[in-house]
Amino acid sequence: MPSLLPRAEQKNILITGASSGIGEALAWACAKRGMNLALVARRLDRLENLAERIRERYQVQVEVAALNICENEKIMPIFMGFSELLGRIDIVVANAGILKSRKVGDGRIDRDAQVFETNVLGAIATSESAISLFRMQGRGGHLAVISSYSAFMPLPSGAAYSASKAAVSSYFNAVRAPLLRENISLSLIYPGFVSTDLLQGFNSHGLPIIAKAKDVAEEILTAILAKKKNAIVPRLPWAVLYQMQKLVPNALLNSVQKFL
C-alpha cells in the first residue's frame, strides 16, 4: 500500500548507528518518503537484513557498510563510496552513540572514556567527514546531530552520557554559523526517553520510556527536512517539559533527579 506521507524530493540520506533503535526507525521513515539510504553501523549482519527488508517494501536504493565511528580514518572513504554509489549525499545524520551507566566513585573511568570517545569525538569525526564530503560535492548539504534530552536534565546514573550529549550540543551550536556560510545547514535533535536497545539495558531505575522509536523517527525526519536548528522530540511531553523546567526551582529538580 503506498504511503500517504509526502515524498522527499530525490534526497539521499546517510545515517550512522542505523542497525537498531532510532537509527533503524529513521531509515524506515526515510524510505517511506522515497529517500535513498546509506546506512552504517558496527553490526553489518543487522544492516544487511534491514536493507533487504526495506528494499522489499519500498522502491529505494539502500547501501550499507560496517563502520565504527571511533575509527576516524575509515569514515571518509566510506562516505565517499556512498556518494559515488548514490550520486551524492544530501543529508548526514550523526546518530551513533552508546550509554554506559556506573555508580560515581566506583573507579570505572574507562566506561566514561568510552562514552565520550563515541558520543563526542565520534560525532565530531562524523561531522568532519560529512562537511568535507559536502564541500567536494558542491551545493552544500545538511548535517543532523542526535543529542538527547538528558543534555538538559542529566541522569545521575548516566552522568557521562548526559555530559557527552551536553558537549555535543555545545560543540555543534558553536560551529553552526561558520557552516551556514558554506550553505551547510545543521539540526540538533534532542530525543526524550525512547524505547530502544540503548536504553533498555539502562532502565533499572524505571525511567519513563514513553515514546516508540518509530514515532520519534517521524518527528526527527520532519525536523530535518524543515531544517530546524533545534528540535526536542517527541514534542509532547518533552518540548513542553523543557519550558516548564525553566520555571522549576533547582532544589525541586535535584529531588526529581534522585529517582532517575
Foldseek 3Di string as FASTA:
>chain_A
DQDPDAADDAAEEEEEPLLWFLNVLLVLLNQSNVYAYEYEEQDVVSQVVSQVVSVVPGVHHYHYDYDQLLVLVPQLVSQVVVCVVSVAHAEYEAEDFAFDFDAPPPPPVVRLVVRLSCLAVSSVSNVVSVQVRCVVSAPAHEYEYEAALCCVQPANRGNSNNVSSVNNVVVCVVCQVVSVVRVYAYAYEHEYQEPIPRCVVVCPLPPPHPYYSNVQSNVVVVCRVVSPRYYYPPVPPRVVVSVVVVVDDPVVSVVVSVSD
